[in-house]
Amino acid sequence: MIFDWGKAQQPKDTKAGWTGSLRLFWRVLTTALVDGQDYRPFSDGPLVRAVDIEAVRAEFYRQYAADGPDGQKRVAKRQAFNKALNGAQAKNLVACRESGGVQWVWVVTPEES
């Protein structure tokens, strides 16, 4: 019998890092990417599937549950979206780049990070 105490390989989880409050953002983004387009953010970089951040924002607002008067709901949804986007960027789960007046967003693959 041989024991190899080396580092165990973990299976790749496409949702790794998308914890708690980021799950709704992940679900909305991956759904919106279906209607996105192939995009090369950097001339020497890979081709990615990206979508206009405004499409993601609109769908996030539709799916995010907020309570209270309309003004409070708008503020809560905007804050939740910004927090989720910033959190996903901080964890290197998504990347954004403005091009041609459009703010593109895409999921970062482990190879890109």
C-alpha atoms as a PDB file:
ATOM      1  CA  MET A   1       0.000   0.000   0.000  1.00  0.00           C
ATOM      2  CA  ILE A   2       1.278   3.456  -0.915  1.00  0.00           C
ATOM      3  CA  PHE A   3       0.129   6.732   0.590  1.00  0.00           C
ATOM      4  CA  ASP A   4       0.731   9.906  -1.367  1.00  0.00           C
ATOM      5  CA  TRP A   5       0.463  12.866   1.011  1.00  0.00           C
ATOM      6  CA  GLY A   6       0.807  15.382  -1.827  1.00  0.00           C
ATOM      7  CA  LYS A   7      -1.725  18.076  -2.529  1.00  0.00           C
ATOM      8  CA  ALA A   8      -5.055  16.529  -3.513  1.00  0.00           C
ATOM      9  CA  GLN A   9      -6.614  17.753  -6.737  1.00  0.00           C
ATOM     10  CA  GLN A  10     -10.049  19.215  -6.205  1.00  0.00           C
ATOM     11  CA  PRO A  11     -12.649  18.954  -8.955  1.00  0.00           C
ATOM     12  CA  LYS A  12     -13.274  22.244 -10.718  1.00  0.00           C
ATOM     13  CA  ASP A  13     -16.478  23.872  -9.571  1.00  0.00           C
ATOM     14  CA  THR A  14     -17.759  26.505 -11.976  1.00  0.00           C
ATOM     15  CA  LYS A  15     -19.585  28.167  -9.081  1.00  0.00           C
ATOM     16  CA  ALA A  16     -16.578  28.217  -6.733  1.00  0.00           C
ATOM     17  CA  GLY A  17     -16.306  31.602  -5.079  1.00  0.00           C
ATOM     18  CA  TRP A  18     -19.892  32.542  -5.937  1.00  0.00           C
ATOM     19  CA  THR A  19     -21.052  32.455  -2.339  1.00  0.00           C
ATOM     20  CA  GLY A  20     -24.147  33.749  -0.605  1.00  0.00           C
ATOM     21  CA  SER A  21     -24.998  37.213  -1.847  1.00  0.00           C
ATOM     22  CA  LEU A  22     -23.154  36.683  -5.141  1.00  0.00           C
ATOM     23  CA  ARG A  23     -25.330  33.719  -6.202  1.00  0.00           C
ATOM     24  CA  LEU A  24     -28.150  35.889  -7.566  1.00  0.00           C
ATOM     25  CA  PHE A  25     -25.618  37.958  -9.529  1.00  0.00           C
ATOM     26  CA  TRP A  26     -24.053  34.758 -10.925  1.00  0.00           C
ATOM     27  CA  ARG A  27     -27.458  33.403 -11.981  1.00  0.00           C
ATOM     28  CA  VAL A  28     -28.468  36.688 -13.635  1.00  0.00           C
ATOM     29  CA  LEU A  29     -25.097  37.124 -15.377  1.00  0.00           C
ATOM     30  CA  THR A  30     -24.935  33.590 -16.762  1.00  0.00           C
ATOM     31  CA  THR A  31     -28.504  33.923 -18.022  1.00  0.00           C
ATOM     32  CA  ALA A  32     -27.749  37.277 -19.668  1.00  0.00           C
ATOM     33  CA  LEU A  33     -24.607  35.867 -21.306  1.00  0.00           C
ATOM     34  CA  VAL A  34     -26.850  33.694 -23.495  1.00  0.00           C
ATOM     35  CA  ASP A  35     -27.909  36.890 -25.268  1.00  0.00           C
ATOM     36  CA  GLY A  36     -24.383  38.320 -25.128  1.00  0.00           C
ATOM     37  CA  GLN A  37     -21.756  38.147 -27.832  1.00  0.00           C
ATOM     38  CA  ASP A  38     -18.212  36.986 -28.378  1.00  0.00           C
ATOM     39  CA  TYR A  39     -15.861  39.780 -27.394  1.00  0.00           C
ATOM     40  CA  ARG A  40     -12.086  40.216 -27.360  1.00  0.00           C
ATOM     41  CA  PRO A  41     -11.405  42.765 -24.583  1.00  0.00           C
ATOM     42  CA  PHE A  42      -7.670  42.924 -25.286  1.00  0.00           C
ATOM     43  CA  SER A  43      -6.022  42.537 -28.679  1.00  0.00           C
ATOM     44  CA  ASP A  44      -3.645  39.869 -27.367  1.00  0.00           C
ATOM     45  CA  GLY A  45      -6.201  38.217 -25.061  1.00  0.00           C
ATOM     46  CA  PRO A  46      -8.744  35.444 -25.363  1.00  0.00           C
ATOM     47  CA  LEU A  47     -12.177  35.665 -26.920  1.00  0.00           C
ATOM     48  CA  VAL A  48     -14.835  35.733 -24.165  1.00  0.00           C
ATOM     49  CA  ARG A  49     -18.615  35.666 -24.014  1.00  0.00           C
ATOM     50  CA  ALA A  50     -19.617  39.113 -22.747  1.00  0.00           C
ATOM     51  CA  VAL A  51     -22.791  41.096 -22.227  1.00  0.00           C
ATOM     52  CA  ASP A  52     -23.690  44.745 -21.752  1.00  0.00           C
ATOM     53  CA  ILE A  53     -23.755  45.467 -18.020  1.00  0.00           C
ATOM     54  CA  GLU A  54     -27.072  47.307 -18.467  1.00  0.00           C
ATOM     55  CA  ALA A  55     -28.771  44.053 -19.508  1.00  0.00           C
ATOM     56  CA  VAL A  56     -27.412  42.388 -16.361  1.00  0.00           C
ATOM     57  CA  ARG A  57     -28.475  45.329 -14.193  1.00  0.00           C
ATOM     58  CA  ALA A  58     -32.040  45.329 -15.588  1.00  0.00           C
ATOM     59  CA  GLU A  59     -32.489  41.600 -14.967  1.00  0.00           C
ATOM     60  CA  PHE A  60     -30.920  41.836 -11.494  1.00  0.00           C
ATOM     61  CA  TYR A  61     -33.401  44.565 -10.579  1.00  0.00           C
ATOM     62  CA  ARG A  62     -36.285  42.365 -11.777  1.00  0.00           C
ATOM     63  CA  GLN A  63     -35.129  39.402  -9.692  1.00  0.00           C
ATOM     64  CA  TYR A  64     -33.902  41.149  -6.527  1.00  0.00           C
ATOM     65  CA  ALA A  65     -36.544  41.185  -3.805  1.00  0.00           C
ATOM     66  CA  ALA A  66     -36.818  44.516  -2.007  1.00  0.00           C
ATOM     67  CA  ASP A  67     -39.501  45.817   0.319  1.00  0.00           C
ATOM     68  CA  GLY A  68     -40.804  49.290   1.074  1.00  0.00           C
ATOM     69  CA  PRO A  69     -41.824  52.335  -0.926  1.00  0.00           C
ATOM     70  CA  ASP A  70     -40.680  52.555  -4.560  1.00  0.00           C
ATOM     71  CA  GLY A  71     -37.858  54.978  -3.789  1.00  0.00           C
ATOM     72  CA  GLN A  72     -36.436  52.711  -1.083  1.00  0.00           C
ATOM     73  CA  LYS A  73     -36.730  49.665  -3.345  1.00  0.00           C
ATOM     74  CA  ARG A  74     -34.795  51.421  -6.131  1.00  0.00           C
ATOM     75  CA  VAL A  75     -32.033  52.398  -3.711  1.00  0.00           C
ATOM     76  CA  ALA A  76     -31.867  48.897  -2.210  1.00  0.00           C
ATOM     77  CA  LYS A  77     -31.684  47.248  -5.641  1.00  0.00           C
ATOM     78  CA  ARG A  78     -29.006  49.665  -6.877  1.00  0.00           C
ATOM     79  CA  GLN A  79     -26.903  49.122  -3.742  1.00  0.00           C
ATOM     80  CA  ALA A  80     -27.287  45.330  -3.930  1.00  0.00           C
ATOM     81  CA  PHE A  81     -26.281  45.285  -7.602  1.00  0.00           C
ATOM     82  CA  ASN A  82     -23.236  47.480  -7.032  1.00  0.00           C
ATOM     83  CA  LYS A  83     -22.188  45.416  -4.017  1.00  0.00           C
ATOM     84  CA  ALA A  84     -22.535  42.159  -5.963  1.00  0.00           C
ATOM     85  CA  LEU A  85     -20.652  43.498  -8.996  1.00  0.00           C
ATOM     86  CA  ASN A  86     -17.859  44.941  -6.865  1.00  0.00           C
ATOM     87  CA  GLY A  87     -17.671  41.741  -4.800  1.00  0.00           C
ATOM     88  CA  ALA A  88     -17.447  39.577  -7.918  1.00  0.00           C
ATOM     89  CA  GLN A  89     -14.703  41.817  -9.329  1.00  0.00           C
ATOM     90  CA  ALA A  90     -12.803  41.785  -6.040  1.00  0.00           C
ATOM     91  CA  LYS A  91     -12.846  37.967  -6.053  1.00  0.00           C
ATOM     92  CA  ASN A  92     -11.743  37.976  -9.716  1.00  0.00           C
ATOM     93  CA  LEU A  93     -14.930  36.170 -10.739  1.00  0.00           C
ATOM     94  CA  VAL A  94     -15.912  38.726 -13.379  1.00  0.00           C
ATOM     95  CA  ALA A  95     -14.130  41.317 -15.453  1.00  0.00           C
ATOM     96  CA  CYS A  96     -15.438  44.533 -17.000  1.00  0.00           C
ATOM     97  CA  ARG A  97     -14.197  46.736 -19.794  1.00  0.00           C
ATOM     98  CA  GLU A  98     -15.735  49.697 -21.589  1.00  0.00           C
ATOM     99  CA  SER A  99     -15.559  49.664 -25.361  1.00  0.00           C
ATOM    100  CA  GLY A 100     -17.564  51.585 -27.940  1.00  0.00           C
ATOM    101  CA  GLY A 101     -19.734  53.198 -25.284  1.00  0.00           C
ATOM    102  CA  VAL A 102     -20.725  49.808 -23.852  1.00  0.00           C
ATOM    103  CA  GLN A 103     -19.608  48.483 -20.458  1.00  0.00           C
ATOM    104  CA  TRP A 104     -18.979  44.773 -21.120  1.00  0.00           C
ATOM    105  CA  VAL A 105     -18.915  42.172 -18.352  1.00  0.00           C
ATOM    106  CA  TRP A 106     -17.930  38.500 -18.501  1.00  0.00           C
ATOM    107  CA  VAL A 107     -17.137  35.567 -16.235  1.00  0.00           C
ATOM    108  CA  VAL A 108     -13.425  35.108 -15.611  1.00  0.00           C
ATOM    109  CA  THR A 109     -12.234  31.546 -16.164  1.00  0.00           C
ATOM    110  CA  PRO A 110      -9.539  30.050 -13.883  1.00  0.00           C
ATOM    111  CA  GLU A 111      -7.062  30.249 -16.791  1.00  0.00           C
ATOM    112  CA  GLU A 112      -7.596  34.022 -17.041  1.00  0.00           C
ATOM    113  CA  SER A 113      -7.166  34.747 -13.327  1.00  0.00           C
END
